Amino acid sequence: MIVQILVALAGLVVLTFAADHLVLGSSRLAERARINPVVVGVVVIGLGTSAPEFLVSGVAAARGDTGLAVGNIAGSNILNLTLVLGIAALAGSIAVTSQVIRREVPLAVGAVVLFAFLAWAGLNSITGGVLAIAGAGAMYLLLRWATRSRSNDEIADDAKEFTQANAQVDVPVPPSRLPAWFEPVRALLGLGGVLAGAQLLVSNASAIAEDLGVPQVIIGFTLVALGTSLPELVTTVQAQRRGEADLVVGNLFGSNLFNSLVGGAVVGFASGSHGTGKATVALSVTMILTAGLAWALLRRGLALTRVEALVLLAAYLLTMPLLLST
């Protein structure tokens, strides 16, 4: 089992770095294609940063490990709004605008609720189609709000800043001096690396669950979800240190939106003949309650204090024994 754990960790490392290059290469390609920077920020970067979660779940569902697939998405949704948001708020109070609380956050909470109910009923091609349609509708709303919002320029600036930055491990050449063919190759290699890392992580996580004699969904919402949520934790803490509170909240709730709708659709379609991916009642209810708790705390005063951060961290610690006992 030690070898399987080490290989799974290696898969997670490959997944993390490959996803970084996939998002960077894709966003730079979109920029060179003169796509609206707001679209790059909302769609390309937003979807790309959630790629580890739904690609890992998609690979798991395609392999027949549907419990692992559902557990990963559900676990990431819970982690983002308890552990990750709580750690970010411990570093300093998080204040958000009323506009974010009125529009983006309720949309993300609604996506989590929809996913929770459909995952409890069972993810298949039909429920996957429902989630895909809901995802397209949510994307339309996000783009419409972004283009009409006063923060339009801010989103465009964030996207431009992202595309000009380097990956965590990158070539020592300024972006402006890279040849034209480099970014497409970067994106393709990043996609290949994400799929390879996901395969290593999923296959060994599944074997670990079998060796331990525990349901795959438990490994999914604990070890796998924690691993795929690490990029969100890093980017959230960095954004908090820069004082970009709206970006912190937007990234985490946005990640849950994409996880629930796009990730849920991917799991539903990938399950195919392997059967439906189902979440337990406890897991579905916990997803809804943690999303509602984070929303309520942020709505109360439009800020998240260190005391409220401790409430979120306590909620995460309390959910684990409950879910593990089911």
Protein backbone atom coordinates (compact mmCIF):
# COMPACT_ATOMS: atom_id res chain seq x y z
CA MET A 1 0.00 0.00 0.00
CA ILE A 2 2.94 2.35 0.62
CA VAL A 3 3.89 2.13 -3.05
CA GLN A 4 0.31 2.93 -4.07
CA ILE A 5 0.24 5.97 -1.78
CA LEU A 6 3.54 7.23 -3.21
CA VAL A 7 2.37 6.74 -6.80
CA ALA A 8 -0.93 8.50 -6.01
CA LEU A 9 1.03 11.43 -4.55
CA ALA A 10 3.22 11.48 -7.67
CA GLY A 11 0.05 11.61 -9.77
CA LEU A 12 -1.18 14.53 -7.70
CA VAL A 13 2.09 16.43 -8.24
CA VAL A 14 1.94 15.82 -12.01
CA LEU A 15 -1.73 16.85 -12.01
CA THR A 16 -1.03 20.11 -10.17
CA PHE A 17 1.85 21.29 -12.34
CA ALA A 18 0.24 20.11 -15.60
CA ALA A 19 -3.01 21.94 -14.75
CA ASP A 20 -1.00 25.12 -14.19
CA HIS A 21 0.45 24.90 -17.71
CA LEU A 22 -2.90 23.88 -19.23
CA VAL A 23 -4.62 26.99 -17.88
CA LEU A 24 -1.73 29.31 -18.72
CA GLY A 25 -1.31 27.97 -22.26
CA SER A 26 -5.06 28.07 -22.93
CA SER A 27 -5.48 31.61 -21.60
CA ARG A 28 -2.53 32.90 -23.66
CA LEU A 29 -3.93 31.23 -26.77
CA ALA A 30 -7.30 32.87 -26.12
CA GLU A 31 -5.59 36.23 -25.65
CA ARG A 32 -3.66 35.86 -28.93
CA ALA A 33 -6.93 34.96 -30.66
CA ARG A 34 -8.18 38.39 -29.47
CA ILE A 35 -10.93 36.89 -27.34
CA ASN A 36 -12.45 39.39 -24.91
CA PRO A 37 -10.32 39.44 -21.73
CA VAL A 38 -13.51 39.17 -19.64
CA VAL A 39 -14.33 35.91 -21.43
CA VAL A 40 -10.78 34.71 -20.81
CA GLY A 41 -11.10 35.53 -17.12
CA VAL A 42 -14.55 34.04 -16.55
CA VAL A 43 -14.52 31.04 -18.87
CA VAL A 44 -10.96 29.98 -19.74
CA ILE A 45 -9.30 30.68 -16.38
CA GLY A 46 -12.42 29.83 -14.37
CA LEU A 47 -12.90 26.45 -16.02
CA GLY A 48 -9.18 25.76 -16.16
CA THR A 49 -8.58 26.19 -12.45
CA SER A 50 -11.35 23.65 -11.75
CA ALA A 51 -9.93 21.20 -14.31
CA PRO A 52 -8.17 18.95 -11.75
CA GLU A 53 -11.44 18.23 -9.93
CA PHE A 54 -13.64 17.38 -12.87
CA LEU A 55 -10.97 15.63 -14.93
CA VAL A 56 -10.05 13.41 -11.97
CA SER A 57 -13.74 12.67 -11.46
CA GLY A 58 -14.24 12.08 -15.19
CA VAL A 59 -11.34 9.61 -15.34
CA ALA A 60 -12.68 7.85 -12.24
CA ALA A 61 -16.20 7.58 -13.69
CA ALA A 62 -14.87 6.29 -17.02
CA ARG A 63 -12.96 3.59 -15.12
CA GLY A 64 -16.12 2.57 -13.28
CA ASP A 65 -15.01 4.13 -9.99
CA THR A 66 -18.18 6.23 -9.74
CA GLY A 67 -18.06 6.45 -5.95
CA LEU A 68 -14.61 8.01 -6.15
CA ALA A 69 -15.81 10.43 -8.84
CA VAL A 70 -18.81 11.69 -6.86
CA GLY A 71 -16.86 11.76 -3.60
CA ASN A 72 -14.14 13.94 -5.13
CA ILE A 73 -16.56 16.61 -6.36
CA ALA A 74 -18.60 16.58 -3.16
CA GLY A 75 -15.49 16.66 -1.00
CA SER A 76 -14.00 19.56 -2.98
CA ASN A 77 -17.25 21.52 -2.61
CA ILE A 78 -17.18 21.02 1.16
CA LEU A 79 -13.46 21.71 1.50
CA ASN A 80 -13.53 24.94 -0.52
CA LEU A 81 -16.11 26.64 1.69
CA THR A 82 -14.94 25.34 5.06
CA LEU A 83 -11.25 24.48 5.22
CA VAL A 84 -9.90 26.68 2.40
CA LEU A 85 -12.13 29.70 3.06
CA GLY A 86 -11.55 29.34 6.80
CA ILE A 87 -7.77 29.29 6.42
CA ALA A 88 -7.93 32.35 4.15
CA ALA A 89 -10.06 34.26 6.67
CA LEU A 90 -7.66 33.38 9.47
CA ALA A 91 -4.97 35.29 7.55
CA GLY A 92 -7.17 38.41 7.65
CA SER A 93 -10.78 39.54 7.50
CA ILE A 94 -12.44 38.94 4.13
CA ALA A 95 -14.76 41.75 3.02
CA VAL A 96 -16.86 41.36 -0.13
CA THR A 97 -19.12 43.64 -2.16
CA SER A 98 -22.89 43.31 -1.90
CA GLN A 99 -23.00 42.64 -5.65
CA VAL A 100 -21.00 39.42 -5.28
CA ILE A 101 -23.25 38.27 -2.41
CA ARG A 102 -26.42 39.06 -4.40
CA ARG A 103 -25.44 37.42 -7.68
CA GLU A 104 -22.39 35.16 -7.98
CA VAL A 105 -22.61 33.52 -4.54
CA PRO A 106 -26.33 32.53 -4.74
CA LEU A 107 -25.73 31.16 -8.24
CA ALA A 108 -22.91 28.97 -6.93
CA VAL A 109 -24.98 27.83 -3.94
CA GLY A 110 -27.84 26.96 -6.29
CA ALA A 111 -25.43 24.90 -8.41
CA VAL A 112 -24.29 22.98 -5.33
CA VAL A 113 -27.91 22.30 -4.30
CA LEU A 114 -28.78 21.05 -7.80
CA PHE A 115 -25.72 18.80 -7.89
CA ALA A 116 -26.44 17.48 -4.39
CA PHE A 117 -29.98 16.42 -5.31
CA LEU A 118 -29.00 14.90 -8.66
CA ALA A 119 -25.98 13.12 -7.14
CA TRP A 120 -28.29 11.66 -4.48
CA ALA A 121 -30.68 10.51 -7.24
CA GLY A 122 -27.78 9.19 -9.31
CA LEU A 123 -25.53 10.73 -11.98
CA ASN A 124 -26.11 9.27 -15.45
CA SER A 125 -26.46 10.58 -18.98
CA ILE A 126 -29.85 12.16 -18.22
CA THR A 127 -28.88 13.97 -15.01
CA GLY A 128 -25.55 14.79 -16.66
CA GLY A 129 -27.47 16.51 -19.45
CA VAL A 130 -29.47 18.52 -16.93
CA LEU A 131 -26.25 19.66 -15.26
CA ALA A 132 -24.68 20.52 -18.63
CA ILE A 133 -27.66 22.70 -19.57
CA ALA A 134 -27.56 24.37 -16.15
CA GLY A 135 -23.81 24.91 -16.61
CA ALA A 136 -24.35 26.62 -19.97
CA GLY A 137 -27.00 28.85 -18.40
CA ALA A 138 -24.74 29.74 -15.47
CA MET A 139 -21.90 30.56 -17.87
CA TYR A 140 -24.18 32.86 -19.82
CA LEU A 141 -25.22 34.69 -16.65
CA LEU A 142 -21.62 35.06 -15.45
CA LEU A 143 -20.53 36.51 -18.79
CA ARG A 144 -23.54 38.83 -18.93
CA TRP A 145 -22.90 40.11 -15.41
CA ALA A 146 -19.19 40.49 -16.06
CA THR A 147 -19.60 42.50 -19.26
CA ARG A 148 -22.21 44.80 -17.71
CA SER A 149 -20.54 45.17 -14.34
CA ARG A 150 -18.44 48.07 -13.16
CA SER A 151 -15.77 45.47 -12.39
CA ASN A 152 -15.46 44.69 -16.11
CA ASP A 153 -12.08 46.42 -16.33
CA GLU A 154 -10.94 44.75 -13.11
CA ILE A 155 -11.73 41.27 -14.48
CA ALA A 156 -9.94 42.09 -17.72
CA ASP A 157 -6.91 43.36 -15.79
CA ASP A 158 -6.86 40.19 -13.66
CA ALA A 159 -6.96 38.05 -16.80
CA LYS A 160 -4.16 40.08 -18.40
CA GLU A 161 -2.07 39.85 -15.24
CA PHE A 162 -2.59 36.09 -15.15
CA THR A 163 -1.55 35.55 -18.77
CA GLN A 164 1.62 37.61 -18.28
CA ALA A 165 2.69 35.64 -15.19
CA ASN A 166 4.81 32.52 -15.32
CA ALA A 167 3.77 29.03 -14.30
CA GLN A 168 4.99 27.66 -10.96
CA VAL A 169 7.73 25.82 -12.83
CA ASP A 170 8.41 27.49 -16.16
CA VAL A 171 11.03 28.14 -18.80
CA PRO A 172 13.33 31.12 -17.99
CA VAL A 173 12.15 33.12 -21.00
CA PRO A 174 9.85 36.19 -20.90
CA PRO A 175 6.38 35.43 -22.37
CA SER A 176 6.85 38.06 -25.09
CA ARG A 177 9.91 36.24 -26.43
CA LEU A 178 8.38 32.76 -26.58
CA PRO A 179 7.76 31.46 -30.14
CA ALA A 180 4.18 31.32 -31.44
CA TRP A 181 4.07 27.52 -31.36
CA PHE A 182 5.02 27.28 -27.69
CA GLU A 183 1.64 28.04 -26.09
CA PRO A 184 -0.36 25.46 -28.11
CA VAL A 185 2.27 22.85 -27.25
CA ARG A 186 2.17 23.95 -23.60
CA ALA A 187 -1.63 23.58 -23.50
CA LEU A 188 -1.57 20.14 -25.15
CA LEU A 189 1.20 18.86 -22.91
CA GLY A 190 -0.63 20.31 -19.92
CA LEU A 191 -3.81 18.47 -20.90
CA GLY A 192 -1.86 15.25 -21.37
CA GLY A 193 -0.17 15.72 -18.01
CA VAL A 194 -3.49 16.38 -16.27
CA LEU A 195 -5.00 13.20 -17.74
CA ALA A 196 -1.90 11.15 -16.87
CA GLY A 197 -1.77 12.54 -13.34
CA ALA A 198 -5.50 11.93 -12.91
CA GLN A 199 -5.09 8.33 -14.08
CA LEU A 200 -2.26 7.71 -11.59
CA LEU A 201 -4.19 9.33 -8.76
CA VAL A 202 -7.49 7.58 -9.47
CA SER A 203 -6.15 4.09 -10.10
CA ASN A 204 -4.06 4.07 -6.94
CA ALA A 205 -6.73 5.77 -4.81
CA SER A 206 -9.15 3.07 -5.94
CA ALA A 207 -6.64 0.36 -5.01
CA ILE A 208 -6.07 1.99 -1.59
CA ALA A 209 -9.83 2.00 -0.94
CA GLU A 210 -10.03 -1.67 -1.87
CA ASP A 211 -7.07 -2.60 0.36
CA LEU A 212 -8.52 -0.66 3.31
CA GLY A 213 -11.96 -2.14 2.75
CA VAL A 214 -13.67 1.28 2.74
CA PRO A 215 -16.13 2.67 0.15
CA GLN A 216 -14.54 4.59 -2.72
CA VAL A 217 -16.68 7.62 -1.93
CA ILE A 218 -14.87 8.01 1.42
CA ILE A 219 -11.44 8.04 -0.25
CA GLY A 220 -12.92 10.43 -2.80
CA PHE A 221 -14.19 13.07 -0.39
CA THR A 222 -11.16 12.86 1.90
CA LEU A 223 -7.77 12.10 0.32
CA VAL A 224 -8.56 12.77 -3.35
CA ALA A 225 -10.66 15.89 -2.69
CA LEU A 226 -8.00 17.29 -0.39
CA GLY A 227 -5.34 16.74 -3.03
CA THR A 228 -7.29 18.29 -5.90
CA SER A 229 -8.26 21.28 -3.71
CA LEU A 230 -4.64 22.18 -2.89
CA PRO A 231 -4.32 24.53 -5.91
CA GLU A 232 -7.39 26.47 -4.67
CA LEU A 233 -5.81 26.70 -1.22
CA VAL A 234 -2.56 28.12 -2.61
CA THR A 235 -4.21 30.64 -4.95
CA THR A 236 -6.69 31.69 -2.25
CA VAL A 237 -3.99 32.41 0.33
CA GLN A 238 -1.99 34.35 -2.28
CA ALA A 239 -5.02 36.43 -3.26
CA GLN A 240 -5.80 37.10 0.40
CA ARG A 241 -2.25 38.32 1.03
CA ARG A 242 -2.66 40.77 -1.88
CA GLY A 243 -5.89 42.03 -0.31
CA GLU A 244 -8.10 40.77 -3.15
CA ALA A 245 -11.03 39.59 -1.01
CA ASP A 246 -13.57 39.50 -3.84
CA LEU A 247 -11.20 37.32 -5.83
CA VAL A 248 -10.91 34.92 -2.86
CA VAL A 249 -14.67 34.52 -2.56
CA GLY A 250 -15.21 34.46 -6.31
CA ASN A 251 -12.59 31.78 -6.86
CA LEU A 252 -13.95 29.45 -4.18
CA PHE A 253 -17.65 29.82 -4.95
CA GLY A 254 -16.82 29.79 -8.68
CA SER A 255 -14.87 26.57 -8.22
CA ASN A 256 -17.91 25.01 -6.54
CA LEU A 257 -20.13 26.18 -9.39
CA PHE A 258 -17.89 24.64 -12.05
CA ASN A 259 -17.31 21.51 -9.98
CA SER A 260 -21.03 20.95 -9.48
CA LEU A 261 -22.31 21.71 -12.96
CA VAL A 262 -19.43 20.92 -15.31
CA GLY A 263 -17.86 18.25 -13.10
CA GLY A 264 -21.24 16.65 -12.41
CA ALA A 265 -22.06 16.61 -16.13
CA VAL A 266 -18.67 15.03 -16.93
CA VAL A 267 -19.26 12.29 -14.32
CA GLY A 268 -22.78 11.66 -15.61
CA PHE A 269 -21.67 11.30 -19.23
CA ALA A 270 -18.49 9.35 -18.38
CA SER A 271 -20.31 6.83 -16.18
CA GLY A 272 -21.89 5.25 -19.25
CA SER A 273 -22.52 1.55 -18.76
CA HIS A 274 -20.65 1.47 -15.44
CA GLY A 275 -23.80 2.52 -13.57
CA THR A 276 -24.82 5.71 -11.86
CA GLY A 277 -22.62 7.65 -9.49
CA LYS A 278 -24.52 8.26 -6.26
CA ALA A 279 -23.94 10.35 -3.16
CA THR A 280 -25.34 9.40 0.24
CA VAL A 281 -28.01 11.53 1.89
CA ALA A 282 -25.46 12.66 4.50
CA LEU A 283 -22.97 13.76 1.85
CA SER A 284 -25.60 15.65 -0.16
CA VAL A 285 -27.00 17.38 2.93
CA THR A 286 -23.51 18.31 4.13
CA MET A 287 -22.71 19.93 0.77
CA ILE A 288 -25.86 22.04 0.97
CA LEU A 289 -25.40 23.01 4.63
CA THR A 290 -21.74 24.03 4.26
CA ALA A 291 -22.53 26.15 1.19
CA GLY A 292 -25.43 27.77 3.05
CA LEU A 293 -23.28 28.38 6.12
CA ALA A 294 -20.53 30.13 4.15
CA TRP A 295 -23.12 32.23 2.30
CA ALA A 296 -24.88 33.20 5.53
CA LEU A 297 -21.64 34.19 7.28
CA LEU A 298 -20.53 36.34 4.34
CA ARG A 299 -23.96 37.94 3.95
CA ARG A 300 -23.95 38.91 7.62
CA GLY A 301 -22.02 42.17 7.48
CA LEU A 302 -20.45 41.43 4.05
CA ALA A 303 -17.30 40.22 5.79
CA LEU A 304 -15.77 37.11 7.25
CA THR A 305 -13.91 37.61 10.52
CA ARG A 306 -11.37 35.35 12.22
CA VAL A 307 -14.06 34.14 14.65
CA GLU A 308 -16.28 33.16 11.72
CA ALA A 309 -13.27 31.52 10.09
CA LEU A 310 -12.98 29.29 13.16
CA VAL A 311 -16.69 28.43 12.75
CA LEU A 312 -15.99 27.25 9.18
CA LEU A 313 -12.95 25.22 10.27
CA ALA A 314 -14.99 23.67 13.09
CA ALA A 315 -17.71 22.80 10.58
CA TYR A 316 -15.14 20.99 8.44
CA LEU A 317 -13.80 19.04 11.42
CA LEU A 318 -17.34 18.11 12.52
CA THR A 319 -18.40 16.92 9.07
CA MET A 320 -15.59 14.42 8.74
CA PRO A 321 -16.65 12.02 11.56
CA LEU A 322 -20.27 12.30 10.38
CA LEU A 323 -19.46 11.41 6.80
CA LEU A 324 -16.96 8.70 7.69
CA SER A 325 -19.54 6.96 9.86
CA THR A 326 -22.10 6.70 7.07
